Amino acid sequence: QVQLVESGGRLVQAGGSLRLSCAASGRRISSYDMDWFRQGPGKEREFVAAISRSGGITLYSDSVKGRFTISRDNAVNTVSLQMSSLKPDDTAVYYCAATFRGVTTASDGMDYWGKGTLVTVSS
């Protein structure tokens, strides 16, 4: 199993930037494709970004494409989400997730989840 812990969430003004990190333990994340999801207040959980095991494939939701960048460092067992040009609509709990079943944007395709980190974007 792999344990995932997100960090970096905080209150930020609209237009600002923030970097989220996901630290993994238990197993090397090089065995997993990794995703970020988010759940805003009163909303369903939604896909944000995904990255393949080698980092060669990245996927983004239309709502964050061009503003967010997912990356990974398998050597230190971490995945990051660099967020810029933040909007109030980006306010959500952001979750890191891992899957060994292949790169996917589907939440039911994930095998392990972190507990999330809260990002609040003020207008």
Protein backbone atom coordinates (compact mmCIF):
# COMPACT_ATOMS: atom_id res chain seq x y z
CA GLN A 1 0.00 0.00 0.00
CA VAL A 2 0.94 3.62 -0.37
CA GLN A 3 0.03 6.43 2.00
CA LEU A 4 -0.47 9.91 0.58
CA VAL A 5 -0.30 13.21 2.46
CA GLU A 6 -1.13 16.51 0.79
CA SER A 7 0.19 19.87 1.92
CA GLY A 8 0.39 23.46 0.79
CA GLY A 9 -3.23 24.49 0.85
CA ARG A 10 -4.05 27.93 2.27
CA LEU A 11 -5.97 31.12 1.67
CA VAL A 12 -4.78 33.00 -1.41
CA GLN A 13 -6.08 35.99 -3.35
CA ALA A 14 -7.50 35.66 -6.82
CA GLY A 15 -4.77 35.87 -9.41
CA GLY A 16 -2.23 34.40 -7.06
CA SER A 17 -0.22 31.21 -7.18
CA LEU A 18 0.12 28.19 -4.94
CA ARG A 19 2.03 24.95 -4.99
CA LEU A 20 0.55 21.79 -3.55
CA SER A 21 2.64 18.78 -2.66
CA CYS A 22 1.77 15.14 -2.13
CA ALA A 23 4.23 13.07 -0.14
CA ALA A 24 4.01 9.31 -0.50
CA SER A 25 5.19 6.63 1.86
CA GLY A 26 4.97 2.88 2.01
CA ARG A 27 5.86 2.25 -1.60
CA ARG A 28 7.70 4.05 -4.34
CA ILE A 29 5.36 6.23 -6.41
CA SER A 30 7.26 5.19 -9.51
CA SER A 31 4.88 2.21 -9.46
CA TYR A 32 1.84 4.47 -9.77
CA ASP A 33 0.20 6.92 -12.07
CA MET A 34 -0.80 9.92 -9.99
CA ASP A 35 -3.73 12.31 -10.06
CA TRP A 36 -5.05 15.41 -8.38
CA PHE A 37 -8.78 15.78 -7.80
CA ARG A 38 -10.71 18.49 -6.03
CA GLN A 39 -14.07 18.95 -4.38
CA GLY A 40 -15.48 22.42 -4.01
CA PRO A 41 -18.21 23.40 -1.53
CA GLY A 42 -21.46 21.80 -2.59
CA LYS A 43 -19.85 20.20 -5.62
CA GLU A 44 -18.95 16.73 -6.76
CA ARG A 45 -15.33 15.62 -6.69
CA GLU A 46 -13.73 16.41 -10.03
CA PHE A 47 -10.59 15.52 -11.89
CA VAL A 48 -7.88 18.18 -12.03
CA ALA A 49 -4.67 16.67 -13.42
CA ALA A 50 -2.90 13.37 -13.95
CA ILE A 51 0.66 12.29 -14.62
CA SER A 52 2.01 8.95 -15.76
CA ARG A 53 4.62 6.97 -13.87
CA SER A 54 7.51 8.31 -15.89
CA GLY A 55 6.04 11.79 -16.16
CA GLY A 56 5.84 11.51 -19.91
CA ILE A 57 2.07 11.87 -20.05
CA THR A 58 0.12 14.65 -18.37
CA LEU A 59 -3.61 15.31 -18.54
CA TYR A 60 -5.60 18.31 -17.37
CA SER A 61 -9.21 19.27 -17.01
CA ASP A 62 -10.32 22.05 -19.30
CA SER A 63 -10.95 24.29 -16.31
CA VAL A 64 -7.30 24.29 -15.23
CA LYS A 65 -5.44 23.74 -18.51
CA GLY A 66 -2.85 26.44 -19.01
CA ARG A 67 -2.97 27.51 -15.36
CA PHE A 68 -1.98 24.38 -13.44
CA THR A 69 1.02 22.12 -13.89
CA ILE A 70 1.39 18.65 -12.44
CA SER A 71 4.85 17.23 -11.87
CA ARG A 72 6.51 14.41 -10.02
CA ASP A 73 9.86 13.57 -8.52
CA ASN A 74 10.07 9.82 -8.13
CA ALA A 75 13.44 10.13 -6.41
CA VAL A 76 11.85 11.87 -3.44
CA ASN A 77 8.46 10.20 -3.76
CA THR A 78 6.46 13.37 -4.29
CA VAL A 79 3.92 14.78 -6.71
CA SER A 80 3.24 18.48 -7.02
CA LEU A 81 0.56 20.72 -8.45
CA GLN A 82 1.65 24.23 -9.35
CA MET A 83 -1.38 26.48 -9.58
CA SER A 84 -1.36 29.98 -11.01
CA SER A 85 -3.91 32.61 -11.99
CA LEU A 86 -6.13 31.23 -9.28
CA LYS A 87 -9.83 32.00 -9.34
CA PRO A 88 -12.48 31.83 -6.61
CA ASP A 89 -13.91 28.82 -8.47
CA ASP A 90 -10.69 26.96 -7.69
CA THR A 91 -11.66 26.95 -4.02
CA ALA A 92 -11.79 23.30 -2.99
CA VAL A 93 -10.24 20.51 -1.02
CA TYR A 94 -7.52 19.09 -3.26
CA TYR A 95 -6.81 15.38 -3.12
CA CYS A 96 -3.83 13.42 -4.31
CA ALA A 97 -4.54 9.92 -5.60
CA ALA A 98 -2.59 6.97 -6.96
CA THR A 99 -3.44 4.15 -9.30
CA PHE A 100 -1.55 1.14 -10.61
CA ARG A 101 -4.21 0.50 -13.28
CA GLY A 102 -3.05 3.08 -15.80
CA VAL A 103 -3.40 6.82 -16.34
CA THR A 104 -7.00 7.84 -15.88
CA THR A 105 -9.16 10.87 -15.18
CA ALA A 106 -11.80 8.80 -13.39
CA SER A 107 -11.98 8.93 -9.62
CA ASP A 108 -13.19 5.33 -9.47
CA GLY A 109 -9.99 4.35 -11.25
CA MET A 110 -7.86 5.40 -8.30
CA ASP A 111 -6.61 2.95 -5.72
CA TYR A 112 -5.26 5.20 -2.96
CA TRP A 113 -6.28 8.64 -1.73
CA GLY A 114 -4.89 11.26 0.56
CA LYS A 115 -7.07 13.16 3.01
CA GLY A 116 -6.86 16.43 1.13
CA THR A 117 -5.64 19.97 1.61
CA LEU A 118 -7.90 23.03 1.54
CA VAL A 119 -7.32 25.80 -0.97
CA THR A 120 -9.39 28.93 -0.57
CA VAL A 121 -9.22 31.65 -3.21
CA SER A 122 -10.63 35.00 -2.18
CA SER A 123 -11.97 37.51 -4.69
